[in-house]
Full PDB file with SEQRES, HELIX, SHEET, SSBOND, CRYST1, ORIGX, SCALE, CONECT and MASTER records, all heavy atoms in Angstrom:
SEQRES   1 A   40  VAL LYS GLY THR THR VAL SER PRO TYR TYR ASP SER LEU          
SEQRES   2 A   40  LEU GLY LYS LEU ILE VAL SER ALA GLY THR ARG GLU GLU          
SEQRES   3 A   40  THR LEU ARG LYS MET ARG ALA SER LEU CYS GLU LEU ILE          
SEQRES   4 A   40  ILE                                                          
HELIX    1 AA1 ARG A   24  GLU A   37  1                                  14    
CRYST1    1.000    1.000    1.000  90.00  90.00  90.00 P 1           1          
ORIGX1      1.000000  0.000000  0.000000        0.00000                         
ORIGX2      0.000000  1.000000  0.000000        0.00000                         
ORIGX3      0.000000  0.000000  1.000000        0.00000                         
SCALE1      1.000000  0.000000  0.000000        0.00000                         
SCALE2      0.000000  1.000000  0.000000        0.00000                         
SCALE3      0.000000  0.000000  1.000000        0.00000                         
ATOM      1  N   VAL A   1       9.709  -8.549   3.755  1.00  0.00           N  
ATOM      2  CA  VAL A   1      10.758  -8.236   4.728  1.00  0.00           C  
ATOM      3  C   VAL A   1      12.026  -7.999   3.916  1.00  0.00           C  
ATOM      4  O   VAL A   1      12.125  -8.424   2.754  1.00  0.00           O  
ATOM      5  CB  VAL A   1      10.992  -9.373   5.754  1.00  0.00           C  
ATOM      6  CG1 VAL A   1       9.805  -9.533   6.674  1.00  0.00           C  
ATOM      7  CG2 VAL A   1      11.311 -10.699   5.042  1.00  0.00           C  
ATOM      8  N   LYS A   2      12.984  -7.322   4.499  1.00  0.00           N  
ATOM      9  CA  LYS A   2      14.231  -7.052   3.784  1.00  0.00           C  
ATOM     10  C   LYS A   2      14.855  -8.364   3.291  1.00  0.00           C  
ATOM     11  O   LYS A   2      14.983  -9.322   4.047  1.00  0.00           O  
ATOM     12  CB  LYS A   2      15.221  -6.311   4.685  1.00  0.00           C  
ATOM     13  CG  LYS A   2      16.472  -5.853   3.951  1.00  0.00           C  
ATOM     14  CD  LYS A   2      17.388  -5.055   4.856  1.00  0.00           C  
ATOM     15  CE  LYS A   2      18.640  -4.607   4.098  1.00  0.00           C  
ATOM     16  NZ  LYS A   2      19.554  -3.821   4.974  1.00  0.00           N  
ATOM     17  N   GLY A   3      15.206  -8.392   2.021  1.00  0.00           N  
ATOM     18  CA  GLY A   3      15.784  -9.598   1.431  1.00  0.00           C  
ATOM     19  C   GLY A   3      14.778 -10.458   0.687  1.00  0.00           C  
ATOM     20  O   GLY A   3      15.159 -11.417  -0.004  1.00  0.00           O  
ATOM     21  N   THR A   4      13.480 -10.130   0.811  1.00  0.00           N  
ATOM     22  CA  THR A   4      12.464 -10.883   0.081  1.00  0.00           C  
ATOM     23  C   THR A   4      12.707 -10.779  -1.427  1.00  0.00           C  
ATOM     24  O   THR A   4      12.928  -9.693  -1.957  1.00  0.00           O  
ATOM     25  CB  THR A   4      11.049 -10.346   0.383  1.00  0.00           C  
ATOM     26  OG1 THR A   4      10.756 -10.548   1.769  1.00  0.00           O  
ATOM     27  CG2 THR A   4      10.000 -11.065  -0.460  1.00  0.00           C  
ATOM     28  N   THR A   5      12.670 -11.918  -2.092  1.00  0.00           N  
ATOM     29  CA  THR A   5      12.859 -11.956  -3.537  1.00  0.00           C  
ATOM     30  C   THR A   5      11.547 -12.259  -4.229  1.00  0.00           C  
ATOM     31  O   THR A   5      10.847 -13.212  -3.869  1.00  0.00           O  
ATOM     32  CB  THR A   5      13.902 -13.025  -3.923  1.00  0.00           C  
ATOM     33  OG1 THR A   5      15.168 -12.679  -3.355  1.00  0.00           O  
ATOM     34  CG2 THR A   5      14.050 -13.116  -5.435  1.00  0.00           C  
ATOM     35  N   VAL A   6      11.194 -11.433  -5.192  1.00  0.00           N  
ATOM     36  CA  VAL A   6       9.998 -11.667  -5.999  1.00  0.00           C  
ATOM     37  C   VAL A   6      10.386 -12.582  -7.149  1.00  0.00           C  
ATOM     38  O   VAL A   6      11.253 -12.246  -7.958  1.00  0.00           O  
ATOM     39  CB  VAL A   6       9.422 -10.349  -6.550  1.00  0.00           C  
ATOM     40  CG1 VAL A   6       8.258 -10.624  -7.496  1.00  0.00           C  
ATOM     41  CG2 VAL A   6       8.980  -9.457  -5.399  1.00  0.00           C  
ATOM     42  N   SER A   7       9.773 -13.755  -7.186  1.00  0.00           N  
ATOM     43  CA  SER A   7      10.097 -14.735  -8.219  1.00  0.00           C  
ATOM     44  C   SER A   7       9.047 -14.700  -9.318  1.00  0.00           C  
ATOM     45  O   SER A   7       7.969 -14.126  -9.148  1.00  0.00           O  
ATOM     46  CB  SER A   7      10.151 -16.140  -7.600  1.00  0.00           C  
ATOM     47  OG  SER A   7       8.837 -16.591  -7.315  1.00  0.00           O  
ATOM     48  N   PRO A   8       9.318 -15.331 -10.452  1.00  0.00           N  
ATOM     49  CA  PRO A   8       8.356 -15.325 -11.562  1.00  0.00           C  
ATOM     50  C   PRO A   8       7.265 -16.377 -11.429  1.00  0.00           C  
ATOM     51  O   PRO A   8       6.413 -16.491 -12.307  1.00  0.00           O  
ATOM     52  CB  PRO A   8       9.247 -15.626 -12.778  1.00  0.00           C  
ATOM     53  CG  PRO A   8      10.333 -16.500 -12.220  1.00  0.00           C  
ATOM     54  CD  PRO A   8      10.600 -15.973 -10.835  1.00  0.00           C  
ATOM     55  N   TYR A   9       7.266 -17.124 -10.326  1.00  0.00           N  
ATOM     56  CA  TYR A   9       6.370 -18.272 -10.226  1.00  0.00           C  
ATOM     57  C   TYR A   9       4.963 -17.928  -9.745  1.00  0.00           C  
ATOM     58  O   TYR A   9       4.036 -18.709  -9.957  1.00  0.00           O  
ATOM     59  CB  TYR A   9       6.974 -19.326  -9.280  1.00  0.00           C  
ATOM     60  CG  TYR A   9       8.298 -19.866  -9.751  1.00  0.00           C  
ATOM     61  CD1 TYR A   9       9.494 -19.446  -9.166  1.00  0.00           C  
ATOM     62  CD2 TYR A   9       8.367 -20.789 -10.796  1.00  0.00           C  
ATOM     63  CE1 TYR A   9      10.715 -19.932  -9.598  1.00  0.00           C  
ATOM     64  CE2 TYR A   9       9.581 -21.279 -11.241  1.00  0.00           C  
ATOM     65  CZ  TYR A   9      10.760 -20.847 -10.634  1.00  0.00           C  
ATOM     66  OH  TYR A   9      11.979 -21.322 -11.069  1.00  0.00           O  
ATOM     67  N   TYR A  10       4.803 -16.778  -9.083  1.00  0.00           N  
ATOM     68  CA  TYR A  10       3.526 -16.512  -8.427  1.00  0.00           C  
ATOM     69  C   TYR A  10       2.963 -15.146  -8.784  1.00  0.00           C  
ATOM     70  O   TYR A  10       3.558 -14.391  -9.542  1.00  0.00           O  
ATOM     71  CB  TYR A  10       3.696 -16.643  -6.898  1.00  0.00           C  
ATOM     72  CG  TYR A  10       4.453 -17.875  -6.483  1.00  0.00           C  
ATOM     73  CD1 TYR A  10       5.707 -17.781  -5.878  1.00  0.00           C  
ATOM     74  CD2 TYR A  10       3.939 -19.153  -6.731  1.00  0.00           C  
ATOM     75  CE1 TYR A  10       6.418 -18.913  -5.522  1.00  0.00           C  
ATOM     76  CE2 TYR A  10       4.646 -20.292  -6.380  1.00  0.00           C  
ATOM     77  CZ  TYR A  10       5.886 -20.170  -5.774  1.00  0.00           C  
ATOM     78  OH  TYR A  10       6.597 -21.291  -5.429  1.00  0.00           O  
ATOM     79  N   ASP A  11       1.824 -14.837  -8.188  1.00  0.00           N  
ATOM     80  CA  ASP A  11       1.146 -13.561  -8.390  1.00  0.00           C  
ATOM     81  C   ASP A  11       2.054 -12.400  -8.009  1.00  0.00           C  
ATOM     82  O   ASP A  11       2.908 -12.520  -7.131  1.00  0.00           O  
ATOM     83  CB  ASP A  11      -0.118 -13.547  -7.522  1.00  0.00           C  
ATOM     84  CG  ASP A  11      -0.987 -12.340  -7.785  1.00  0.00           C  
ATOM     85  OD1 ASP A  11      -1.809 -12.390  -8.707  1.00  0.00           O  
ATOM     86  OD2 ASP A  11      -0.821 -11.343  -7.061  1.00  0.00           O  
ATOM     87  N   SER A  12       1.834 -11.251  -8.641  1.00  0.00           N  
ATOM     88  CA  SER A  12       2.704 -10.092  -8.428  1.00  0.00           C  
ATOM     89  C   SER A  12       2.326  -9.251  -7.207  1.00  0.00           C  
ATOM     90  O   SER A  12       2.984  -8.250  -6.915  1.00  0.00           O  
ATOM     91  CB  SER A  12       2.688  -9.196  -9.673  1.00  0.00           C  
ATOM     92  OG  SER A  12       1.383  -8.681  -9.888  1.00  0.00           O  
ATOM     93  N   LEU A  13       1.271  -9.635  -6.485  1.00  0.00           N  
ATOM     94  CA  LEU A  13       0.824  -8.847  -5.339  1.00  0.00           C  
ATOM     95  C   LEU A  13       1.864  -8.846  -4.225  1.00  0.00           C  
ATOM     96  O   LEU A  13       2.250  -9.887  -3.714  1.00  0.00           O  
ATOM     97  CB  LEU A  13      -0.500  -9.395  -4.811  1.00  0.00           C  
ATOM     98  CG  LEU A  13      -1.131  -8.627  -3.645  1.00  0.00           C  
ATOM     99  CD1 LEU A  13      -1.555  -7.239  -4.095  1.00  0.00           C  
ATOM    100  CD2 LEU A  13      -2.320  -9.401  -3.073  1.00  0.00           C  
ATOM    101  N   LEU A  14       2.314  -7.632  -3.845  1.00  0.00           N  
ATOM    102  CA  LEU A  14       3.274  -7.478  -2.748  1.00  0.00           C  
ATOM    103  C   LEU A  14       2.583  -7.145  -1.437  1.00  0.00           C  
ATOM    104  O   LEU A  14       3.068  -7.507  -0.362  1.00  0.00           O  
ATOM    105  CB  LEU A  14       4.262  -6.345  -3.073  1.00  0.00           C  
ATOM    106  CG  LEU A  14       5.133  -6.521  -4.311  1.00  0.00           C  
ATOM    107  CD1 LEU A  14       5.977  -5.274  -4.534  1.00  0.00           C  
ATOM    108  CD2 LEU A  14       6.026  -7.758  -4.176  1.00  0.00           C  
ATOM    109  N   GLY A  15       1.485  -6.429  -1.509  1.00  0.00           N  
ATOM    110  CA  GLY A  15       0.781  -6.033  -0.308  1.00  0.00           C  
ATOM    111  C   GLY A  15      -0.433  -5.206  -0.633  1.00  0.00           C  
ATOM    112  O   GLY A  15      -0.674  -4.836  -1.793  1.00  0.00           O  
ATOM    113  N   LYS A  16      -1.203  -4.897   0.399  1.00  0.00           N  
ATOM    114  CA  LYS A  16      -2.425  -4.113   0.237  1.00  0.00           C  
ATOM    115  C   LYS A  16      -2.404  -2.988   1.265  1.00  0.00           C  
ATOM    116  O   LYS A  16      -2.310  -3.246   2.467  1.00  0.00           O  
ATOM    117  CB  LYS A  16      -3.652  -5.006   0.434  1.00  0.00           C  
ATOM    118  CG  LYS A  16      -3.691  -6.174  -0.544  1.00  0.00           C  
ATOM    119  CD  LYS A  16      -4.823  -7.140  -0.245  1.00  0.00           C  
ATOM    120  CE  LYS A  16      -4.658  -7.824   1.084  1.00  0.00           C  
ATOM    121  NZ  LYS A  16      -5.629  -8.933   1.277  1.00  0.00           N  
ATOM    122  N   LEU A  17      -2.482  -1.764   0.769  1.00  0.00           N  
ATOM    123  CA  LEU A  17      -2.504  -0.595   1.633  1.00  0.00           C  
ATOM    124  C   LEU A  17      -3.963  -0.200   1.852  1.00  0.00           C  
ATOM    125  O   LEU A  17      -4.674   0.116   0.892  1.00  0.00           O  
ATOM    126  CB  LEU A  17      -1.726   0.556   1.000  1.00  0.00           C  
ATOM    127  CG  LEU A  17      -1.630   1.854   1.795  1.00  0.00           C  
ATOM    128  CD1 LEU A  17      -0.942   1.632   3.142  1.00  0.00           C  
ATOM    129  CD2 LEU A  17      -0.877   2.912   0.996  1.00  0.00           C  
ATOM    130  N   ILE A  18      -4.409  -0.244   3.105  1.00  0.00           N  
ATOM    131  CA  ILE A  18      -5.804   0.015   3.436  1.00  0.00           C  
ATOM    132  C   ILE A  18      -5.889   1.151   4.443  1.00  0.00           C  
ATOM    133  O   ILE A  18      -5.151   1.169   5.433  1.00  0.00           O  
ATOM    134  CB  ILE A  18      -6.482  -1.235   4.032  1.00  0.00           C  
ATOM    135  CG1 ILE A  18      -6.153  -2.487   3.210  1.00  0.00           C  
ATOM    136  CG2 ILE A  18      -7.996  -1.049   4.100  1.00  0.00           C  
ATOM    137  CD1 ILE A  18      -5.209  -3.424   3.875  1.00  0.00           C  
ATOM    138  N   VAL A  19      -6.781   2.104   4.200  1.00  0.00           N  
ATOM    139  CA  VAL A  19      -6.988   3.211   5.120  1.00  0.00           C  
ATOM    140  C   VAL A  19      -8.486   3.443   5.280  1.00  0.00           C  
ATOM    141  O   VAL A  19      -9.288   3.061   4.425  1.00  0.00           O  
ATOM    142  CB  VAL A  19      -6.313   4.522   4.633  1.00  0.00           C  
ATOM    143  CG1 VAL A  19      -4.832   4.312   4.388  1.00  0.00           C  
ATOM    144  CG2 VAL A  19      -6.994   5.056   3.374  1.00  0.00           C  
ATOM    145  N   SER A  20      -8.868   4.066   6.396  1.00  0.00           N  
ATOM    146  CA  SER A  20     -10.267   4.415   6.596  1.00  0.00           C  
ATOM    147  C   SER A  20     -10.372   5.715   7.365  1.00  0.00           C  
ATOM    148  O   SER A  20      -9.443   6.115   8.085  1.00  0.00           O  
ATOM    149  CB  SER A  20     -11.010   3.301   7.341  1.00  0.00           C  
ATOM    150  OG  SER A  20     -10.518   3.168   8.659  1.00  0.00           O  
ATOM    151  N   ALA A  21     -11.517   6.395   7.205  1.00  0.00           N  
ATOM    152  CA  ALA A  21     -11.771   7.660   7.884  1.00  0.00           C  
ATOM    153  C   ALA A  21     -13.271   7.903   7.915  1.00  0.00           C  
ATOM    154  O   ALA A  21     -14.061   7.107   7.389  1.00  0.00           O  
ATOM    155  CB  ALA A  21     -11.046   8.806   7.170  1.00  0.00           C  
ATOM    156  N   GLY A  22     -13.674   9.022   8.526  1.00  0.00           N  
ATOM    157  CA  GLY A  22     -15.091   9.314   8.701  1.00  0.00           C  
ATOM    158  C   GLY A  22     -15.823   9.671   7.441  1.00  0.00           C  
ATOM    159  O   GLY A  22     -17.034   9.460   7.329  1.00  0.00           O  
ATOM    160  N   THR A  23     -15.110  10.212   6.443  1.00  0.00           N  
ATOM    161  CA  THR A  23     -15.722  10.558   5.166  1.00  0.00           C  
ATOM    162  C   THR A  23     -14.828  10.087   4.030  1.00  0.00           C  
ATOM    163  O   THR A  23     -13.634   9.827   4.227  1.00  0.00           O  
ATOM    164  CB  THR A  23     -15.915  12.081   5.030  1.00  0.00           C  
ATOM    165  OG1 THR A  23     -14.621  12.713   4.960  1.00  0.00           O  
ATOM    166  CG2 THR A  23     -16.695  12.644   6.213  1.00  0.00           C  
ATOM    167  N   ARG A  24     -15.389  10.020   2.821  1.00  0.00           N  
ATOM    168  CA  ARG A  24     -14.600   9.605   1.665  1.00  0.00           C  
ATOM    169  C   ARG A  24     -13.493  10.611   1.381  1.00  0.00           C  
ATOM    170  O   ARG A  24     -12.375  10.238   1.009  1.00  0.00           O  
ATOM    171  CB  ARG A  24     -15.493   9.432   0.435  1.00  0.00           C  
ATOM    172  CG  ARG A  24     -14.763   8.863  -0.783  1.00  0.00           C  
ATOM    173  CD  ARG A  24     -15.723   8.520  -1.902  1.00  0.00           C  
ATOM    174  NE  ARG A  24     -15.020   7.850  -2.996  1.00  0.00           N  
ATOM    175  CZ  ARG A  24     -14.501   8.452  -4.047  1.00  0.00           C  
ATOM    176  NH1 ARG A  24     -14.615   9.782  -4.172  1.00  0.00           N  
ATOM    177  NH2 ARG A  24     -13.882   7.766  -4.985  1.00  0.00           N  
ATOM    178  N   GLU A  25     -13.775  11.907   1.549  1.00  0.00           N  
ATOM    179  CA  GLU A  25     -12.766  12.933   1.320  1.00  0.00           C  
ATOM    180  C   GLU A  25     -11.575  12.758   2.259  1.00  0.00           C  
ATOM    181  O   GLU A  25     -10.419  12.856   1.844  1.00  0.00           O  
ATOM    182  CB  GLU A  25     -13.382  14.318   1.510  1.00  0.00           C  
ATOM    183  CG  GLU A  25     -12.420  15.467   1.200  1.00  0.00           C  
ATOM    184  CD  GLU A  25     -13.055  16.836   1.383  1.00  0.00           C  
ATOM    185  OE1 GLU A  25     -14.258  16.901   1.724  1.00  0.00           O  
ATOM    186  OE2 GLU A  25     -12.347  17.838   1.199  1.00  0.00           O  
ATOM    187  N   GLU A  26     -11.856  12.462   3.529  1.00  0.00           N  
ATOM    188  CA  GLU A  26     -10.780  12.230   4.494  1.00  0.00           C  
ATOM    189  C   GLU A  26     -10.000  10.969   4.147  1.00  0.00           C  
ATOM    190  O   GLU A  26      -8.771  10.926   4.272  1.00  0.00           O  
ATOM    191  CB  GLU A  26     -11.357  12.108   5.902  1.00  0.00           C  
ATOM    192  CG  GLU A  26     -11.930  13.381   6.465  1.00  0.00           C  
ATOM    193  CD  GLU A  26     -12.586  13.154   7.812  1.00  0.00           C  
ATOM    194  OE1 GLU A  26     -13.546  12.357   7.885  1.00  0.00           O  
ATOM    195  OE2 GLU A  26     -12.133  13.761   8.794  1.00  0.00           O  
ATOM    196  N   THR A  27     -10.719   9.942   3.697  1.00  0.00           N  
ATOM    197  CA  THR A  27     -10.061   8.694   3.310  1.00  0.00           C  
ATOM    198  C   THR A  27      -9.122   8.914   2.133  1.00  0.00           C  
ATOM    199  O   THR A  27      -8.001   8.383   2.103  1.00  0.00           O  
ATOM    200  CB  THR A  27     -11.112   7.623   2.959  1.00  0.00           C  
ATOM    201  OG1 THR A  27     -11.916   7.355   4.114  1.00  0.00           O  
ATOM    202  CG2 THR A  27     -10.455   6.330   2.503  1.00  0.00           C  
ATOM    203  N   LEU A  28      -9.557   9.699   1.156  1.00  0.00           N  
ATOM    204  CA  LEU A  28      -8.710  10.008   0.004  1.00  0.00           C  
ATOM    205  C   LEU A  28      -7.444  10.737   0.429  1.00  0.00           C  
ATOM    206  O   LEU A  28      -6.342  10.408  -0.039  1.00  0.00           O  
ATOM    207  CB  LEU A  28      -9.486  10.848  -1.006  1.00  0.00           C  
ATOM    208  CG  LEU A  28     -10.436  10.084  -1.934  1.00  0.00           C  
ATOM    209  CD1 LEU A  28     -11.411  11.034  -2.596  1.00  0.00           C  
ATOM    210  CD2 LEU A  28      -9.654   9.302  -2.977  1.00  0.00           C  
ATOM    211  N   ARG A  29      -7.576  11.698   1.318  1.00  0.00           N  
ATOM    212  CA  ARG A  29      -6.385  12.419   1.785  1.00  0.00           C  
ATOM    213  C   ARG A  29      -5.439  11.490   2.515  1.00  0.00           C  
ATOM    214  O   ARG A  29      -4.209  11.556   2.347  1.00  0.00           O  
ATOM    215  CB  ARG A  29      -6.803  13.587   2.694  1.00  0.00           C  
ATOM    216  CG  ARG A  29      -7.450  14.754   1.963  1.00  0.00           C  
ATOM    217  CD  ARG A  29      -7.390  16.028   2.789  1.00  0.00           C  
ATOM    218  NE  ARG A  29      -8.126  15.887   4.045  1.00  0.00           N  
ATOM    219  CZ  ARG A  29      -9.393  16.254   4.219  1.00  0.00           C  
ATOM    220  NH1 ARG A  29     -10.076  16.772   3.202  1.00  0.00           N  
ATOM    221  NH2 ARG A  29      -9.979  16.131   5.392  1.00  0.00           N  
ATOM    222  N   LYS A  30      -6.011  10.603   3.318  1.00  0.00           N  
ATOM    223  CA  LYS A  30      -5.181   9.663   4.078  1.00  0.00           C  
ATOM    224  C   LYS A  30      -4.479   8.679   3.133  1.00  0.00           C  
ATOM    225  O   LYS A  30      -3.309   8.338   3.340  1.00  0.00           O  
ATOM    226  CB  LYS A  30      -6.030   8.916   5.099  1.00  0.00           C  
ATOM    227  CG  LYS A  30      -5.232   7.992   6.005  1.00  0.00           C  
ATOM    228  CD  LYS A  30      -6.109   7.364   7.082  1.00  0.00           C  
ATOM    229  CE  LYS A  30      -6.511   8.385   8.129  1.00  0.00           C  
ATOM    230  NZ  LYS A  30      -7.159   7.757   9.301  1.00  0.00           N  
ATOM    231  N   MET A  31      -5.188   8.244   2.096  1.00  0.00           N  
ATOM    232  CA  MET A  31      -4.572   7.318   1.143  1.00  0.00           C  
ATOM    233  C   MET A  31      -3.440   7.990   0.382  1.00  0.00           C  
ATOM    234  O   MET A  31      -2.369   7.395   0.178  1.00  0.00           O  
ATOM    235  CB  MET A  31      -5.614   6.761   0.176  1.00  0.00           C  
ATOM    236  CG  MET A  31      -5.047   5.784  -0.849  1.00  0.00           C  
ATOM    237  SD  MET A  31      -4.231   4.335  -0.094  1.00  0.00           S  
ATOM    238  CE  MET A  31      -5.666   3.289   0.201  1.00  0.00           C  
ATOM    239  N   ARG A  32      -3.638   9.227  -0.048  1.00  0.00           N  
ATOM    240  CA  ARG A  32      -2.558   9.938  -0.743  1.00  0.00           C  
ATOM    241  C   ARG A  32      -1.334  10.069   0.144  1.00  0.00           C  
ATOM    242  O   ARG A  32      -0.201   9.831  -0.297  1.00  0.00           O  
ATOM    243  CB  ARG A  32      -3.054  11.326  -1.168  1.00  0.00           C  
ATOM    244  CG  ARG A  32      -4.139  11.325  -2.220  1.00  0.00           C  
ATOM    245  CD  ARG A  32      -4.504  12.740  -2.639  1.00  0.00           C  
ATOM    246  NE  ARG A  32      -5.836  12.788  -3.225  1.00  0.00           N  
ATOM    247  CZ  ARG A  32      -6.878  13.420  -2.699  1.00  0.00           C  
ATOM    248  NH1 ARG A  32      -6.740  14.092  -1.566  1.00  0.00           N  
ATOM    249  NH2 ARG A  32      -8.051  13.409  -3.302  1.00  0.00           N  
ATOM    250  N   ALA A  33      -1.542  10.455   1.394  1.00  0.00           N  
ATOM    251  CA  ALA A  33      -0.424  10.612   2.329  1.00  0.00           C  
ATOM    252  C   ALA A  33       0.277   9.277   2.572  1.00  0.00           C  
ATOM    253  O   ALA A  33       1.516   9.206   2.620  1.00  0.00           O  
ATOM    254  CB  ALA A  33      -0.924  11.188   3.647  1.00  0.00           C  
ATOM    255  N   SER A  34      -0.495   8.210   2.691  1.00  0.00           N  
ATOM    256  CA  SER A  34       0.079   6.888   2.966  1.00  0.00           C  
ATOM    257  C   SER A  34       0.874   6.351   1.781  1.00  0.00           C  
ATOM    258  O   SER A  34       1.933   5.745   1.937  1.00  0.00           O  
ATOM    259  CB  SER A  34      -1.031   5.907   3.357  1.00  0.00           C  
ATOM    260  OG  SER A  34      -1.670   6.317   4.537  1.00  0.00           O  
ATOM    261  N   LEU A  35       0.349   6.583   0.570  1.00  0.00           N  
ATOM    262  CA  LEU A  35       1.079   6.156  -0.633  1.00  0.00           C  
ATOM    263  C   LEU A  35       2.397   6.915  -0.759  1.00  0.00           C  
ATOM    264  O   LEU A  35       3.417   6.337  -1.162  1.00  0.00           O  
ATOM    265  CB  LEU A  35       0.222   6.378  -1.880  1.00  0.00           C  
ATOM    266  CG  LEU A  35      -0.903   5.368  -2.127  1.00  0.00           C  
ATOM    267  CD1 LEU A  35      -1.873   5.889  -3.176  1.00  0.00           C  
ATOM    268  CD2 LEU A  35      -0.346   4.005  -2.543  1.00  0.00           C  
ATOM    269  N   CYS A  36       2.384   8.188  -0.403  1.00  0.00           N  
ATOM    270  CA  CYS A  36       3.620   8.983  -0.456  1.00  0.00           C  
ATOM    271  C   CYS A  36       4.639   8.489   0.562  1.00  0.00           C  
ATOM    272  O   CYS A  36       5.850   8.589   0.338  1.00  0.00           O  
ATOM    273  CB  CYS A  36       3.310  10.457  -0.201  1.00  0.00           C  
ATOM    274  SG  CYS A  36       2.460  11.267  -1.568  1.00  0.00           S  
ATOM    275  N   GLU A  37       4.150   7.948   1.671  1.00  0.00           N  
ATOM    276  CA  GLU A  37       5.050   7.493   2.728  1.00  0.00           C  
ATOM    277  C   GLU A  37       5.554   6.072   2.501  1.00  0.00           C  
ATOM    278  O   GLU A  37       6.616   5.690   3.003  1.00  0.00           O  
ATOM    279  CB  GLU A  37       4.330   7.578   4.076  1.00  0.00           C  
ATOM    280  CG  GLU A  37       5.244   7.372   5.274  1.00  0.00           C  
ATOM    281  CD  GLU A  37       4.515   7.506   6.599  1.00  0.00           C  
ATOM    282  OE1 GLU A  37       3.406   8.077   6.618  1.00  0.00           O  
ATOM    283  OE2 GLU A  37       5.068   7.021   7.610  1.00  0.00           O  
ATOM    284  N   LEU A  38       4.788   5.272   1.764  1.00  0.00           N  
ATOM    285  CA  LEU A  38       5.182   3.884   1.518  1.00  0.00           C  
ATOM    286  C   LEU A  38       6.407   3.834   0.604  1.00  0.00           C  
ATOM    287  O   LEU A  38       6.390   4.359  -0.507  1.00  0.00           O  
ATOM    288  CB  LEU A  38       4.012   3.118   0.869  1.00  0.00           C  
ATOM    289  CG  LEU A  38       4.269   1.652   0.498  1.00  0.00           C  
ATOM    290  CD1 LEU A  38       4.611   0.818   1.730  1.00  0.00           C  
ATOM    291  CD2 LEU A  38       3.058   1.069  -0.231  1.00  0.00           C  
ATOM    292  N   ILE A  39       7.474   3.194   1.088  1.00  0.00           N  
ATOM    293  CA  ILE A  39       8.716   3.094   0.308  1.00  0.00           C  
ATOM    294  C   ILE A  39       9.086   1.623   0.140  1.00  0.00           C  
ATOM    295  O   ILE A  39       9.210   0.884   1.127  1.00  0.00           O  
ATOM    296  CB  ILE A  39       9.878   3.839   1.003  1.00  0.00           C  
ATOM    297  CG1 ILE A  39       9.540   5.329   1.147  1.00  0.00           C  
ATOM    298  CG2 ILE A  39      11.181   3.657   0.213  1.00  0.00           C  
ATOM    299  CD1 ILE A  39      10.555   6.094   1.974  1.00  0.00           C  
ATOM    300  N   ILE A  40       9.239   1.215  -1.096  1.00  0.00           N  
ATOM    301  CA  ILE A  40       9.710  -0.136  -1.431  1.00  0.00           C  
ATOM    302  C   ILE A  40      10.843   0.012  -2.422  1.00  0.00           C  
ATOM    303  O   ILE A  40      10.630   0.480  -3.541  1.00  0.00           O  
ATOM    304  CB  ILE A  40       8.572  -0.995  -2.030  1.00  0.00           C  
ATOM    305  CG1 ILE A  40       7.434  -1.165  -1.014  1.00  0.00           C  
ATOM    306  CG2 ILE A  40       9.102  -2.355  -2.474  1.00  0.00           C  
ATOM    307  CD1 ILE A  40       6.210  -1.866  -1.578  1.00  0.00           C  
TER     308      ILE A  40                                                      
MASTER        0    0    0    1    0    0    0    6  307    1    0    4          
END                                                                             
């Protein structure tokens, strides 16, 4: 959330972006689009 501080005490994982679709090709396109849209 806005203001969250990443400290040196724990794992570096911030989140997991998960997508699904009817085929692997569609899933790849959706993942590329989602990664482009994700802003941190």
